[in-house]
Amino acid sequence: MKQGPVNKMLVYIDGSEESITAAEYSVVLSKKMGAELYAIYVINTRALDDLVKSRIFLQIEEEEYKRDLESDADRYLNHVKELATKKGVAINLIKKSGNVHAELKKSVQENDIDLLVLGELAHVRSRRDEFYNEAERAMRIVDCSVMIVKDEEKVWELYEALE
């Protein structure tokens, strides 16, 4: 592995198109820079707890919803693994449960990550949205540099051109 400004990068996957674009760009960067690549999906148990507390979900519905969330996490991580493998890039997959921003911070520390890669952030419509935007909260508390990936078309072209 090269010794450069970025030796290990972590891309946050949440199932959104923006996070998949971030994953594609991370594959490109990893290949070009020789950096070790990690992808993380965090099952947001805080949101699930809120649904149970507000009695939107019953206990049995909570278990079913948890299984669905686990399945989503596996599906998206496998998709990102395919994106990396297709371009000859090794990738370490991480699946966690908990508060997203806290788990991202912990994974950055545990894996000695130099760069956290996030998809384009959603537009904030209210203070409440800002408070609950987990990617933005993570961006503010992690102990490494953060990159926000934009321009889906350009990223796709870079990814497709990668040999």
Protein backbone atom coordinates (compact mmCIF):
# COMPACT_ATOMS: atom_id res chain seq x y z
CA MET A 1 0.00 0.00 0.00
CA LYS A 2 1.23 3.48 -0.88
CA GLN A 3 1.94 6.00 1.81
CA GLY A 4 0.10 9.15 0.84
CA PRO A 5 -2.34 11.66 2.21
CA VAL A 6 -5.09 9.02 2.18
CA ASN A 7 -4.24 5.44 3.07
CA LYS A 8 -7.66 4.31 4.34
CA MET A 9 -11.05 5.63 3.34
CA LEU A 10 -14.53 4.83 4.61
CA VAL A 11 -17.65 5.39 2.53
CA TYR A 12 -21.00 5.65 4.30
CA ILE A 13 -23.81 3.75 2.59
CA ASP A 14 -27.43 4.44 3.52
CA GLY A 15 -29.21 3.07 0.47
CA SER A 16 -29.68 6.44 -1.20
CA GLU A 17 -28.54 7.12 -4.77
CA GLU A 18 -26.18 9.72 -3.34
CA SER A 19 -24.44 7.13 -1.16
CA ILE A 20 -24.05 4.75 -4.12
CA THR A 21 -22.50 7.61 -6.11
CA ALA A 22 -20.13 8.17 -3.17
CA ALA A 23 -19.26 4.46 -3.27
CA GLU A 24 -18.48 4.62 -7.00
CA TYR A 25 -16.24 7.64 -6.44
CA SER A 26 -14.55 5.89 -3.51
CA VAL A 27 -13.73 2.93 -5.76
CA VAL A 28 -12.15 5.33 -8.28
CA LEU A 29 -10.14 7.11 -5.57
CA SER A 30 -9.06 3.88 -3.93
CA LYS A 31 -7.78 2.46 -7.21
CA LYS A 32 -6.00 5.68 -8.24
CA MET A 33 -4.50 6.41 -4.80
CA GLY A 34 -3.83 2.86 -3.66
CA ALA A 35 -5.88 3.49 -0.52
CA GLU A 36 -7.57 0.73 1.45
CA LEU A 37 -11.35 0.98 1.07
CA TYR A 38 -14.04 0.38 3.69
CA ALA A 39 -17.81 0.67 3.30
CA ILE A 40 -20.18 0.96 6.24
CA TYR A 41 -23.93 0.62 6.57
CA VAL A 42 -25.41 1.54 9.94
CA ILE A 43 -28.86 0.25 10.82
CA ASN A 44 -30.42 3.27 12.50
CA THR A 45 -31.82 1.86 15.73
CA ARG A 46 -32.51 5.36 17.01
CA ALA A 47 -35.20 5.82 14.37
CA LEU A 48 -36.59 2.38 15.18
CA ASP A 49 -36.67 3.17 18.90
CA ASP A 50 -38.55 6.40 18.15
CA LEU A 51 -41.19 4.46 16.20
CA VAL A 52 -41.68 2.02 19.07
CA LYS A 53 -41.80 4.75 21.73
CA SER A 54 -44.42 6.67 19.79
CA ARG A 55 -46.40 3.43 19.51
CA ILE A 56 -46.34 3.46 15.73
CA PHE A 57 -44.89 -0.06 15.88
CA LEU A 58 -45.89 -2.95 18.11
CA GLN A 59 -43.17 -5.29 19.39
CA ILE A 60 -43.81 -7.91 16.70
CA GLU A 61 -43.72 -5.24 13.97
CA GLU A 62 -40.43 -3.99 15.38
CA GLU A 63 -38.83 -7.43 14.93
CA GLU A 64 -40.10 -7.68 11.36
CA TYR A 65 -38.87 -4.18 10.58
CA LYS A 66 -35.43 -5.01 12.06
CA ARG A 67 -35.18 -8.03 9.77
CA ASP A 68 -36.07 -5.83 6.80
CA LEU A 69 -33.40 -3.31 7.81
CA GLU A 70 -30.80 -6.10 8.15
CA SER A 71 -31.75 -7.35 4.70
CA ASP A 72 -31.42 -3.83 3.25
CA ALA A 73 -27.99 -3.43 4.83
CA ASP A 74 -26.78 -6.72 3.34
CA ARG A 75 -28.20 -5.90 -0.09
CA TYR A 76 -26.57 -2.45 -0.28
CA LEU A 77 -23.22 -3.64 1.07
CA ASN A 78 -23.21 -6.49 -1.46
CA HIS A 79 -23.97 -4.02 -4.25
CA VAL A 80 -21.03 -1.84 -3.18
CA LYS A 81 -18.82 -4.93 -2.99
CA GLU A 82 -19.79 -5.77 -6.58
CA LEU A 83 -18.95 -2.22 -7.69
CA ALA A 84 -15.48 -2.51 -6.15
CA THR A 85 -14.81 -6.08 -7.30
CA LYS A 86 -15.78 -5.18 -10.88
CA LYS A 87 -12.93 -2.66 -10.90
CA GLY A 88 -10.41 -4.86 -9.09
CA VAL A 89 -10.60 -3.00 -5.78
CA ALA A 90 -10.63 -4.88 -2.48
CA ILE A 91 -13.18 -3.60 0.00
CA ASN A 92 -13.84 -4.18 3.69
CA LEU A 93 -17.53 -4.24 4.56
CA ILE A 94 -18.82 -3.08 7.94
CA LYS A 95 -22.40 -3.49 9.17
CA LYS A 96 -23.35 -1.89 12.48
CA SER A 97 -26.48 -1.02 14.41
CA GLY A 98 -27.01 2.07 16.54
CA ASN A 99 -26.87 5.83 16.22
CA VAL A 100 -25.43 6.49 12.78
CA HIS A 101 -23.14 9.39 13.65
CA ALA A 102 -21.77 7.62 16.74
CA GLU A 103 -21.09 4.39 14.82
CA LEU A 104 -19.37 6.30 12.01
CA LYS A 105 -17.13 8.09 14.51
CA LYS A 106 -16.31 4.79 16.21
CA SER A 107 -15.51 3.04 12.92
CA VAL A 108 -13.27 5.91 11.81
CA GLN A 109 -11.30 5.55 15.04
CA GLU A 110 -11.21 1.74 15.13
CA ASN A 111 -9.99 1.44 11.53
CA ASP A 112 -7.62 4.42 11.52
CA ILE A 113 -9.52 6.05 8.63
CA ASP A 114 -7.98 9.10 6.90
CA LEU A 115 -11.01 10.08 4.82
CA LEU A 116 -14.77 9.70 5.33
CA VAL A 117 -16.67 9.83 2.04
CA LEU A 118 -20.33 10.86 2.05
CA GLY A 119 -22.93 11.27 -0.66
CA GLU A 120 -24.40 14.68 -1.30
CA LEU A 121 -26.26 15.91 1.77
CA ALA A 122 -30.01 16.49 1.62
CA HIS A 123 -31.25 20.05 1.64
CA VAL A 124 -32.15 21.14 5.15
CA ARG A 125 -35.71 22.38 5.37
CA SER A 126 -35.86 22.99 9.11
CA ARG A 127 -33.80 22.94 12.30
CA ARG A 128 -35.34 19.55 13.07
CA ASP A 129 -34.11 18.16 9.72
CA GLU A 130 -30.66 19.52 10.46
CA PHE A 131 -30.63 17.89 13.89
CA TYR A 132 -31.68 14.51 12.52
CA ASN A 133 -29.38 14.49 9.47
CA GLU A 134 -27.03 11.73 10.59
CA ALA A 135 -24.48 12.20 7.80
CA GLU A 136 -24.11 15.86 8.63
CA ARG A 137 -23.76 15.10 12.33
CA ALA A 138 -21.08 12.52 11.53
CA MET A 139 -19.27 14.99 9.30
CA ARG A 140 -18.97 17.36 12.23
CA ILE A 141 -17.72 14.87 14.83
CA VAL A 142 -15.34 12.48 13.05
CA ASP A 143 -11.60 12.81 13.59
CA CYS A 144 -10.64 12.71 9.91
CA SER A 145 -11.14 14.68 6.72
CA VAL A 146 -14.54 14.41 5.05
CA MET A 147 -15.37 14.45 1.34
CA ILE A 148 -18.85 15.15 -0.02
CA VAL A 149 -19.40 13.56 -3.44
CA LYS A 150 -21.59 15.36 -5.99
CA ASP A 151 -22.25 15.19 -9.74
CA GLU A 152 -23.62 11.70 -10.27
CA GLU A 153 -23.04 11.76 -14.05
CA LYS A 154 -19.38 12.75 -13.82
CA VAL A 155 -18.75 10.15 -11.10
CA TRP A 156 -20.39 7.46 -13.25
CA GLU A 157 -18.15 8.41 -16.20
CA LEU A 158 -15.05 8.21 -13.99
CA TYR A 159 -16.17 4.86 -12.59
CA GLU A 160 -16.97 3.42 -16.04
CA ALA A 161 -13.61 4.60 -17.45
CA LEU A 162 -11.69 2.89 -14.64
CA GLU A 163 -9.81 -0.21 -15.76
